[in-house]
C-alpha atoms as a PDB file:
ATOM      1  CA  UNK A   1     172.680 125.914  21.940  1.00  0.00           C
ATOM      2  CA  UNK A   2     171.178 122.635  23.056  1.00  0.00           C
ATOM      3  CA  UNK A   3     168.763 120.728  20.894  1.00  0.00           C
ATOM      4  CA  UNK A   4     165.872 118.837  22.394  1.00  0.00           C
ATOM      5  CA  UNK A   5     165.908 115.137  21.629  1.00  0.00           C
ATOM      6  CA  UNK A   6     163.004 114.182  19.425  1.00  0.00           C
ATOM      7  CA  UNK A   7     161.881 110.612  18.870  1.00  0.00           C
ATOM      8  CA  UNK A   8     162.029 109.239  15.354  1.00  0.00           C
ATOM      9  CA  UNK A   9     158.548 107.782  15.845  1.00  0.00           C
ATOM     10  CA  UNK A  10     155.962 110.477  16.618  1.00  0.00           C
ATOM     11  CA  UNK A  11     154.038 109.777  19.809  1.00  0.00           C
ATOM     12  CA  UNK A  12     156.410 107.023  20.915  1.00  0.00           C
ATOM     13  CA  UNK A  13     155.797 107.636  24.617  1.00  0.00           C
ATOM     14  CA  UNK A  14     152.034 107.478  24.234  1.00  0.00           C
ATOM     15  CA  UNK A  15     152.243 104.422  21.977  1.00  0.00           C
ATOM     16  CA  UNK A  16     154.516 102.619  24.436  1.00  0.00           C
ATOM     17  CA  UNK A  17     152.171 103.422  27.313  1.00  0.00           C
ATOM     18  CA  UNK A  18     149.158 102.113  25.400  1.00  0.00           C
ATOM     19  CA  UNK A  19     151.083  98.978  24.417  1.00  0.00           C
ATOM     20  CA  UNK A  20     152.102  98.202  27.994  1.00  0.00           C
ATOM     21  CA  UNK A  21     148.581  98.910  29.271  1.00  0.00           C
ATOM     22  CA  UNK A  22     146.996  96.689  26.633  1.00  0.00           C
ATOM     23  CA  UNK A  23     149.422  93.824  27.270  1.00  0.00           C
ATOM     24  CA  UNK A  24     148.877  94.154  31.008  1.00  0.00           C
ATOM     25  CA  UNK A  25     145.098  93.975  30.689  1.00  0.00           C
ATOM     26  CA  UNK A  26     145.039  91.167  28.133  1.00  0.00           C
ATOM     27  CA  UNK A  27     148.070  89.053  29.137  1.00  0.00           C
ATOM     28  CA  UNK A  28     149.868  89.950  32.369  1.00  0.00           C
ATOM     29  CA  UNK A  29     146.936  90.468  34.738  1.00  0.00           C
ATOM     30  CA  UNK A  30     145.020  87.287  33.722  1.00  0.00           C
ATOM     31  CA  UNK A  31     148.188  85.190  33.945  1.00  0.00           C
ATOM     32  CA  UNK A  32     149.232  86.694  37.256  1.00  0.00           C
ATOM     33  CA  UNK A  33     145.838  85.766  38.710  1.00  0.00           C
ATOM     34  CA  UNK A  34     146.809  82.107  38.358  1.00  0.00           C
ATOM     35  CA  UNK A  35     149.911  82.695  40.475  1.00  0.00           C
ATOM     36  CA  UNK A  36     147.897  84.677  43.026  1.00  0.00           C
ATOM     37  CA  UNK A  37     145.313  81.886  43.317  1.00  0.00           C
ATOM     38  CA  UNK A  38     148.054  79.270  43.671  1.00  0.00           C
ATOM     39  CA  UNK A  39     149.729  81.328  46.401  1.00  0.00           C
ATOM     40  CA  UNK A  40     146.885  80.300  48.692  1.00  0.00           C
ATOM     41  CA  UNK A  41     148.330  76.798  48.760  1.00  0.00           C
ATOM     42  CA  UNK A  42     151.233  75.897  50.990  1.00  0.00           C
ATOM     43  CA  UNK A  43     154.394  74.615  49.352  1.00  0.00           C
ATOM     44  CA  UNK A  44     153.703  71.009  50.318  1.00  0.00           C
ATOM     45  CA  UNK A  45     150.109  71.242  49.066  1.00  0.00           C
ATOM     46  CA  UNK A  46     151.328  72.756  45.786  1.00  0.00           C
ATOM     47  CA  UNK A  47     153.865  69.972  45.283  1.00  0.00           C
ATOM     48  CA  UNK A  48     151.260  67.319  46.080  1.00  0.00           C
ATOM     49  CA  UNK A  49     148.807  68.891  43.634  1.00  0.00           C
ATOM     50  CA  UNK A  50     151.225  69.068  40.696  1.00  0.00           C
ATOM     51  CA  UNK A  51     153.014  65.743  41.268  1.00  0.00           C
ATOM     52  CA  UNK A  52     150.066  63.412  41.809  1.00  0.00           C
ATOM     53  CA  UNK A  53     150.345  60.257  39.641  1.00  0.00           C
ATOM     54  CA  UNK A  54     147.354  61.236  37.530  1.00  0.00           C
ATOM     55  CA  UNK A  55     148.801  64.710  36.941  1.00  0.00           C
ATOM     56  CA  UNK A  56     152.247  63.366  36.038  1.00  0.00           C
ATOM     57  CA  UNK A  57     150.652  60.975  33.551  1.00  0.00           C
ATOM     58  CA  UNK A  58     148.818  63.890  31.917  1.00  0.00           C
ATOM     59  CA  UNK A  59     152.111  65.828  31.674  1.00  0.00           C
ATOM     60  CA  UNK A  60     153.739  62.890  29.948  1.00  0.00           C
ATOM     61  CA  UNK A  61     150.933  62.509  27.427  1.00  0.00           C
ATOM     62  CA  UNK A  62     150.642  66.231  26.675  1.00  0.00           C
ATOM     63  CA  UNK A  63     154.331  67.003  26.341  1.00  0.00           C
ATOM     64  CA  UNK A  64     155.348  63.883  24.422  1.00  0.00           C
ATOM     65  CA  UNK A  65     152.420  64.055  22.008  1.00  0.00           C
ATOM     66  CA  UNK A  66     152.899  67.797  21.487  1.00  0.00           C
ATOM     67  CA  UNK A  67     156.630  67.407  20.896  1.00  0.00           C
ATOM     68  CA  UNK A  68     156.137  64.526  18.452  1.00  0.00           C
ATOM     69  CA  UNK A  69     153.420  66.409  16.554  1.00  0.00           C
ATOM     70  CA  UNK A  70     155.525  69.596  16.348  1.00  0.00           C
ATOM     71  CA  UNK A  71     158.525  67.583  15.151  1.00  0.00           C
ATOM     72  CA  UNK A  72     156.526  65.882  12.395  1.00  0.00           C
ATOM     73  CA  UNK A  73     154.958  69.200  11.407  1.00  0.00           C
ATOM     74  CA  UNK A  74     158.400  70.803  11.181  1.00  0.00           C
ATOM     75  CA  UNK A  75     159.503  68.215   8.645  1.00  0.00           C
ATOM     76  CA  UNK A  76     156.384  68.040   6.520  1.00  0.00           C
ATOM     77  CA  UNK A  77     155.560  71.725   6.982  1.00  0.00           C
ATOM     78  CA  UNK A  78     158.895  72.623   5.429  1.00  0.00           C
ATOM     79  CA  UNK A  79     158.163  70.344   2.483  1.00  0.00           C
ATOM     80  CA  UNK A  80     154.656  71.781   2.033  1.00  0.00           C
ATOM     81  CA  UNK A  81     155.947  75.361   2.164  1.00  0.00           C
ATOM     82  CA  UNK A  82     158.702  74.568  -0.336  1.00  0.00           C
ATOM     83  CA  UNK A  83     156.291  72.889  -2.776  1.00  0.00           C
ATOM     84  CA  UNK A  84     153.760  75.726  -2.562  1.00  0.00           C
ATOM     85  CA  UNK A  85     156.436  78.322  -3.343  1.00  0.00           C
ATOM     86  CA  UNK A  86     158.729  76.589  -5.799  1.00  0.00           C
ATOM     87  CA  UNK A  87     156.518  74.257  -7.849  1.00  0.00           C
ATOM     88  CA  UNK A  88     153.564  75.543  -9.900  1.00  0.00           C
ATOM     89  CA  UNK A  89     150.882  72.892 -10.299  1.00  0.00           C
ATOM     90  CA  UNK A  90     147.120  72.792 -10.935  1.00  0.00           C
ATOM     91  CA  UNK A  91     145.137  73.522  -7.799  1.00  0.00           C
ATOM     92  CA  UNK A  92     148.030  75.128  -5.920  1.00  0.00           C
ATOM     93  CA  UNK A  93     145.829  77.950  -4.606  1.00  0.00           C
ATOM     94  CA  UNK A  94     143.326  75.407  -3.329  1.00  0.00           C
ATOM     95  CA  UNK A  95     146.058  73.502  -1.494  1.00  0.00           C
ATOM     96  CA  UNK A  96     147.408  76.785  -0.126  1.00  0.00           C
ATOM     97  CA  UNK A  97     143.957  77.636   1.223  1.00  0.00           C
ATOM     98  CA  UNK A  98     143.540  74.167   2.738  1.00  0.00           C
ATOM     99  CA  UNK A  99     146.653  74.744   4.860  1.00  0.00           C
ATOM    100  CA  UNK A 100     144.766  77.455   6.757  1.00  0.00           C
ATOM    101  CA  UNK A 101     141.719  75.262   7.361  1.00  0.00           C
ATOM    102  CA  UNK A 102     142.774  74.228  10.907  1.00  0.00           C
ATOM    103  CA  UNK A 103     142.974  77.964  11.737  1.00  0.00           C
ATOM    104  CA  UNK A 104     139.369  78.636  10.725  1.00  0.00           C
ATOM    105  CA  UNK A 105     137.787  75.321  11.694  1.00  0.00           C
ATOM    106  CA  UNK A 106     136.294  75.239  15.213  1.00  0.00           C
ATOM    107  CA  UNK A 107     138.306  72.827  17.325  1.00  0.00           C
ATOM    108  CA  UNK A 108     135.211  70.882  18.352  1.00  0.00           C
ATOM    109  CA  UNK A 109     134.324  70.331  14.692  1.00  0.00           C
ATOM    110  CA  UNK A 110     137.871  69.149  13.999  1.00  0.00           C
ATOM    111  CA  UNK A 111     137.693  66.740  16.929  1.00  0.00           C
ATOM    112  CA  UNK A 112     134.365  65.271  15.843  1.00  0.00           C
ATOM    113  CA  UNK A 113     135.549  64.919  12.225  1.00  0.00           C
ATOM    114  CA  UNK A 114     138.811  63.218  13.225  1.00  0.00           C
ATOM    115  CA  UNK A 115     136.978  60.881  15.589  1.00  0.00           C
ATOM    116  CA  UNK A 116     134.472  59.910  12.899  1.00  0.00           C
ATOM    117  CA  UNK A 117     137.281  59.130  10.453  1.00  0.00           C
ATOM    118  CA  UNK A 118     139.620  57.258  12.803  1.00  0.00           C
ATOM    119  CA  UNK A 119     137.041  55.429  14.958  1.00  0.00           C
ATOM    120  CA  UNK A 120     136.977  51.615  14.529  1.00  0.00           C
ATOM    121  CA  UNK A 121     133.989  51.953  12.167  1.00  0.00           C
ATOM    122  CA  UNK A 122     135.324  55.062  10.410  1.00  0.00           C
ATOM    123  CA  UNK A 123     136.761  55.347   6.920  1.00  0.00           C
ATOM    124  CA  UNK A 124     140.364  55.006   8.010  1.00  0.00           C
ATOM    125  CA  UNK A 125     139.886  53.292  11.361  1.00  0.00           C
ATOM    126  CA  UNK A 126     138.107  50.361   9.711  1.00  0.00           C
ATOM    127  CA  UNK A 127     141.209  49.704   7.607  1.00  0.00           C
ATOM    128  CA  UNK A 128     143.054  48.802  10.823  1.00  0.00           C
ATOM    129  CA  UNK A 129     140.438  46.356  12.120  1.00  0.00           C
ATOM    130  CA  UNK A 130     141.057  42.728  13.096  1.00  0.00           C
ATOM    131  CA  UNK A 131     142.512  40.667  10.276  1.00  0.00           C
ATOM    132  CA  UNK A 132     142.979  43.548   7.836  1.00  0.00           C
ATOM    133  CA  UNK A 133     146.180  43.947   5.874  1.00  0.00           C
ATOM    134  CA  UNK A 134     147.280  46.978   7.893  1.00  0.00           C
ATOM    135  CA  UNK A 135     146.515  45.182  11.154  1.00  0.00           C
ATOM    136  CA  UNK A 136     148.668  42.230  10.055  1.00  0.00           C
ATOM    137  CA  UNK A 137     151.391  44.647   8.977  1.00  0.00           C
ATOM    138  CA  UNK A 138     151.538  46.674  12.197  1.00  0.00           C
ATOM    139  CA  UNK A 139     150.039  44.542  14.971  1.00  0.00           C
ATOM    140  CA  UNK A 140     150.154  40.811  14.051  1.00  0.00           C
ATOM    141  CA  UNK A 141     146.586  40.831  12.787  1.00  0.00           C
ATOM    142  CA  UNK A 142     145.022  42.438  15.856  1.00  0.00           C
ATOM    143  CA  UNK A 143     143.122  45.692  15.436  1.00  0.00           C
ATOM    144  CA  UNK A 144     145.156  48.880  15.728  1.00  0.00           C
ATOM    145  CA  UNK A 145     143.295  51.376  17.865  1.00  0.00           C
ATOM    146  CA  UNK A 146     143.714  54.919  16.524  1.00  0.00           C
ATOM    147  CA  UNK A 147     140.837  56.883  17.996  1.00  0.00           C
ATOM    148  CA  UNK A 148     140.623  56.834  21.801  1.00  0.00           C
ATOM    149  CA  UNK A 149     144.358  56.205  22.090  1.00  0.00           C
ATOM    150  CA  UNK A 150     147.665  58.069  22.170  1.00  0.00           C
ATOM    151  CA  UNK A 151     147.795  57.803  18.361  1.00  0.00           C
ATOM    152  CA  UNK A 152     144.574  59.769  18.089  1.00  0.00           C
ATOM    153  CA  UNK A 153     145.972  62.513  20.312  1.00  0.00           C
ATOM    154  CA  UNK A 154     149.061  62.729  18.130  1.00  0.00           C
ATOM    155  CA  UNK A 155     146.967  62.960  14.952  1.00  0.00           C
ATOM    156  CA  UNK A 156     144.767  65.729  16.370  1.00  0.00           C
ATOM    157  CA  UNK A 157     147.768  67.773  17.526  1.00  0.00           C
ATOM    158  CA  UNK A 158     149.460  67.312  14.165  1.00  0.00           C
ATOM    159  CA  UNK A 159     146.309  68.520  12.425  1.00  0.00           C
ATOM    160  CA  UNK A 160     146.050  71.770  14.379  1.00  0.00           C
ATOM    161  CA  UNK A 161     149.793  72.525  14.345  1.00  0.00           C
ATOM    162  CA  UNK A 162     150.669  72.240  10.655  1.00  0.00           C
ATOM    163  CA  UNK A 163     149.638  75.791   9.607  1.00  0.00           C
ATOM    164  CA  UNK A 164     151.966  77.354  12.197  1.00  0.00           C
ATOM    165  CA  UNK A 165     155.015  75.787  10.567  1.00  0.00           C
ATOM    166  CA  UNK A 166     153.943  76.309   6.964  1.00  0.00           C
ATOM    167  CA  UNK A 167     153.011  79.979   7.403  1.00  0.00           C
ATOM    168  CA  UNK A 168     156.196  80.717   9.334  1.00  0.00           C
ATOM    169  CA  UNK A 169     158.543  79.101   6.821  1.00  0.00           C
ATOM    170  CA  UNK A 170     156.725  80.022   3.604  1.00  0.00           C
ATOM    171  CA  UNK A 171     157.682  83.764   3.523  1.00  0.00           C
ATOM    172  CA  UNK A 172     161.352  82.889   3.989  1.00  0.00           C
ATOM    173  CA  UNK A 173     161.213  80.364   1.159  1.00  0.00           C
ATOM    174  CA  UNK A 174     159.696  83.063  -1.051  1.00  0.00           C
ATOM    175  CA  UNK A 175     162.645  85.359  -0.253  1.00  0.00           C
ATOM    176  CA  UNK A 176     165.285  82.762  -1.106  1.00  0.00           C
ATOM    177  CA  UNK A 177     167.058  83.707  -4.306  1.00  0.00           C
ATOM    178  CA  UNK A 178     167.472  80.776  -6.733  1.00  0.00           C
ATOM    179  CA  UNK A 179     170.670  82.473  -7.933  1.00  0.00           C
ATOM    180  CA  UNK A 180     172.437  81.390  -4.746  1.00  0.00           C
ATOM    181  CA  UNK A 181     171.528  77.776  -5.417  1.00  0.00           C
ATOM    182  CA  UNK A 182     172.695  78.093  -9.018  1.00  0.00           C
ATOM    183  CA  UNK A 183     175.953  79.672  -7.871  1.00  0.00           C
ATOM    184  CA  UNK A 184     176.474  76.834  -5.408  1.00  0.00           C
ATOM    185  CA  UNK A 185     175.920  74.268  -8.145  1.00  0.00           C
ATOM    186  CA  UNK A 186     178.262  76.100 -10.528  1.00  0.00           C
ATOM    187  CA  UNK A 187     180.987  75.951  -7.870  1.00  0.00           C
ATOM    188  CA  UNK A 188     180.739  72.171  -7.802  1.00  0.00           C
ATOM    189  CA  UNK A 189     178.408  71.583  -4.859  1.00  0.00           C
ATOM    190  CA  UNK A 190     175.958  68.700  -5.151  1.00  0.00           C
ATOM    191  CA  UNK A 191     172.302  68.995  -4.159  1.00  0.00           C
ATOM    192  CA  UNK A 192     172.854  67.810  -0.582  1.00  0.00           C
ATOM    193  CA  UNK A 193     175.700  70.290  -0.047  1.00  0.00           C
ATOM    194  CA  UNK A 194     173.579  73.113  -1.456  1.00  0.00           C
ATOM    195  CA  UNK A 195     170.716  72.229   0.867  1.00  0.00           C
ATOM    196  CA  UNK A 196     172.957  71.850   3.916  1.00  0.00           C
ATOM    197  CA  UNK A 197     175.175  74.897   3.431  1.00  0.00           C
ATOM    198  CA  UNK A 198     173.077  77.377   1.448  1.00  0.00           C
ATOM    199  CA  UNK A 199     169.375  76.715   1.963  1.00  0.00           C
ATOM    200  CA  UNK A 200     168.974  75.133   5.383  1.00  0.00           C
ATOM    201  CA  UNK A 201     170.922  77.791   7.371  1.00  0.00           C
ATOM    202  CA  UNK A 202     168.447  80.399   6.144  1.00  0.00           C
ATOM    203  CA  UNK A 203     165.441  78.218   6.913  1.00  0.00           C
ATOM    204  CA  UNK A 204     166.550  77.068  10.369  1.00  0.00           C
ATOM    205  CA  UNK A 205     165.460  80.181  12.374  1.00  0.00           C
ATOM    206  CA  UNK A 206     161.901  80.287  10.952  1.00  0.00           C
ATOM    207  CA  UNK A 207     161.706  76.511  11.225  1.00  0.00           C
ATOM    208  CA  UNK A 208     162.529  76.723  14.934  1.00  0.00           C
ATOM    209  CA  UNK A 209     159.929  79.456  15.323  1.00  0.00           C
ATOM    210  CA  UNK A 210     157.303  77.323  13.597  1.00  0.00           C
ATOM    211  CA  UNK A 211     158.246  74.348  15.764  1.00  0.00           C
ATOM    212  CA  UNK A 212     157.900  76.445  18.928  1.00  0.00           C
ATOM    213  CA  UNK A 213     154.535  77.851  17.864  1.00  0.00           C
ATOM    214  CA  UNK A 214     153.180  74.416  16.917  1.00  0.00           C
ATOM    215  CA  UNK A 215     154.485  72.928  20.158  1.00  0.00           C
ATOM    216  CA  UNK A 216     153.011  75.694  22.316  1.00  0.00           C
ATOM    217  CA  UNK A 217     149.688  75.488  20.464  1.00  0.00           C
ATOM    218  CA  UNK A 218     149.529  71.724  20.926  1.00  0.00           C
ATOM    219  CA  UNK A 219     150.239  71.981  24.662  1.00  0.00           C
ATOM    220  CA  UNK A 220     147.147  74.087  25.193  1.00  0.00           C
ATOM    221  CA  UNK A 221     144.848  72.308  22.736  1.00  0.00           C
ATOM    222  CA  UNK A 222     141.614  70.995  24.185  1.00  0.00           C
ATOM    223  CA  UNK A 223     138.663  70.984  21.781  1.00  0.00           C
ATOM    224  CA  UNK A 224     140.003  68.803  18.992  1.00  0.00           C
ATOM    225  CA  UNK A 225     141.710  66.348  21.362  1.00  0.00           C
ATOM    226  CA  UNK A 226     138.958  65.772  23.910  1.00  0.00           C
ATOM    227  CA  UNK A 227     136.781  63.912  21.381  1.00  0.00           C
ATOM    228  CA  UNK A 228     139.403  61.606  19.905  1.00  0.00           C
ATOM    229  CA  UNK A 229     141.479  60.964  23.050  1.00  0.00           C
ATOM    230  CA  UNK A 230     139.006  58.829  24.977  1.00  0.00           C
ATOM    231  CA  UNK A 231     139.982  60.739  28.150  1.00  0.00           C
ATOM    232  CA  UNK A 232     141.051  57.703  30.149  1.00  0.00           C
ATOM    233  CA  UNK A 233     142.939  58.760  33.308  1.00  0.00           C
ATOM    234  CA  UNK A 234     146.601  57.683  33.339  1.00  0.00           C
ATOM    235  CA  UNK A 235     146.390  56.731  29.639  1.00  0.00           C
ATOM    236  CA  UNK A 236     144.839  59.316  27.315  1.00  0.00           C
ATOM    237  CA  UNK A 237     143.958  62.208  29.623  1.00  0.00           C
ATOM    238  CA  UNK A 238     145.723  65.406  28.557  1.00  0.00           C
ATOM    239  CA  UNK A 239     146.617  68.157  31.026  1.00  0.00           C
ATOM    240  CA  UNK A 240     144.091  70.783  29.762  1.00  0.00           C
ATOM    241  CA  UNK A 241     141.306  68.225  30.234  1.00  0.00           C
ATOM    242  CA  UNK A 242     142.524  67.468  33.757  1.00  0.00           C
ATOM    243  CA  UNK A 243     142.413  71.193  34.551  1.00  0.00           C
ATOM    244  CA  UNK A 244     138.802  71.357  33.324  1.00  0.00           C
ATOM    245  CA  UNK A 245     137.961  68.250  35.372  1.00  0.00           C
ATOM    246  CA  UNK A 246     139.326  69.840  38.544  1.00  0.00           C
ATOM    247  CA  UNK A 247     137.381  73.015  37.867  1.00  0.00           C
ATOM    248  CA  UNK A 248     134.183  70.977  37.509  1.00  0.00           C
ATOM    249  CA  UNK A 249     135.016  69.392  40.874  1.00  0.00           C
ATOM    250  CA  UNK A 250     135.432  72.899  42.381  1.00  0.00           C
ATOM    251  CA  UNK A 251     139.103  72.219  43.034  1.00  0.00           C
ATOM    252  CA  UNK A 252     140.138  75.685  41.887  1.00  0.00           C
ATOM    253  CA  UNK A 253     143.441  75.713  43.738  1.00  0.00           C
ATOM    254  CA  UNK A 254     144.491  72.374  42.249  1.00  0.00           C
ATOM    255  CA  UNK A 255     143.466  73.477  38.751  1.00  0.00           C
ATOM    256  CA  UNK A 256     145.411  76.737  38.961  1.00  0.00           C
ATOM    257  CA  UNK A 257     148.452  74.907  40.391  1.00  0.00           C
ATOM    258  CA  UNK A 258     148.575  72.646  37.334  1.00  0.00           C
ATOM    259  CA  UNK A 259     147.945  75.665  35.094  1.00  0.00           C
ATOM    260  CA  UNK A 260     150.926  77.466  36.651  1.00  0.00           C
ATOM    261  CA  UNK A 261     153.180  74.484  35.938  1.00  0.00           C
ATOM    262  CA  UNK A 262     152.062  74.424  32.304  1.00  0.00           C
ATOM    263  CA  UNK A 263     152.496  78.187  32.047  1.00  0.00           C
ATOM    264  CA  UNK A 264     156.033  78.119  33.420  1.00  0.00           C
ATOM    265  CA  UNK A 265     156.977  75.118  31.289  1.00  0.00           C
ATOM    266  CA  UNK A 266     155.656  76.782  28.126  1.00  0.00           C
ATOM    267  CA  UNK A 267     157.481  80.022  28.915  1.00  0.00           C
ATOM    268  CA  UNK A 268     160.781  78.208  29.561  1.00  0.00           C
ATOM    269  CA  UNK A 269     160.452  76.214  26.345  1.00  0.00           C
ATOM    270  CA  UNK A 270     159.657  79.288  24.255  1.00  0.00           C
ATOM    271  CA  UNK A 271     162.548  81.170  25.864  1.00  0.00           C
ATOM    272  CA  UNK A 272     164.907  78.299  25.062  1.00  0.00           C
ATOM    273  CA  UNK A 273     163.720  78.243  21.443  1.00  0.00           C
ATOM    274  CA  UNK A 274     164.210  82.019  21.132  1.00  0.00           C
ATOM    275  CA  UNK A 275     167.740  81.766  22.522  1.00  0.00           C
ATOM    276  CA  UNK A 276     168.441  78.924  20.114  1.00  0.00           C
ATOM    277  CA  UNK A 277     167.148  81.046  17.242  1.00  0.00           C
ATOM    278  CA  UNK A 278     169.401  83.930  18.283  1.00  0.00           C
ATOM    279  CA  UNK A 279     172.392  81.614  18.420  1.00  0.00           C
ATOM    280  CA  UNK A 280     171.482  80.147  15.036  1.00  0.00           C
ATOM    281  CA  UNK A 281     171.280  83.560  13.349  1.00  0.00           C
ATOM    282  CA  UNK A 282     174.585  84.652  14.886  1.00  0.00           C
ATOM    283  CA  UNK A 283     176.296  81.365  14.054  1.00  0.00           C
ATOM    284  CA  UNK A 284     175.251  81.313  10.403  1.00  0.00           C
ATOM    285  CA  UNK A 285     175.909  85.034   9.947  1.00  0.00           C
ATOM    286  CA  UNK A 286     179.595  84.544  10.788  1.00  0.00           C
END
């Protein structure tokens, strides 16, 4: 007598259909429209649109600044997550709440606030003016320009990316058993060996995930960067701003061509990070 196969999850077929439909409406169809719009360009026109000197300069600024910000956030985000979990101190809940502030703060507000602080007449920017101690330390006495420069872009992207790393790593730090560290120390391992062989292998996959999320978020950031960048073509013009500029000039095909390049690049980078995570889990599980 044959038994009918029943799914462990009730309504799996319906749930899967709703999931695919929802993802198609929210993600796949809007993204595919960019490819459809770009298809109206010939291959040579597409290449010219995405390899113009101004466009290449925006790629360089966006990718390098995003990568640097995600890298810095990976290091300090790990430290912040570790401190919030392992060390009780007065005001810890306040600090924990402040980590989420870039999530809730409108990007335009963040951009205006950062610009006001790091502008030449701002609280921090004025400390780098001509003849100041910091100017002599970093630039032979000449003023160090933070706002309206590549440094300002980096600061803005670091600001908006930190929560992605902290909130990705923090749950894993909470699950780490201190007994493993104590066992490692009792077996004669020093602190560096315990970190390298016991703690870090468990933190590497979530750390890579946080890095990827911060990097992807920084690539598409617009609101907080547009105020502090200065938006000078070939120098401080990020790719999202260039896309908006082309849309304002009614160059829809050129804007979607650049958007497709950014979309493909982001997808390839996220895929590479996911494959690296998979390899890391398999390697450290052996």
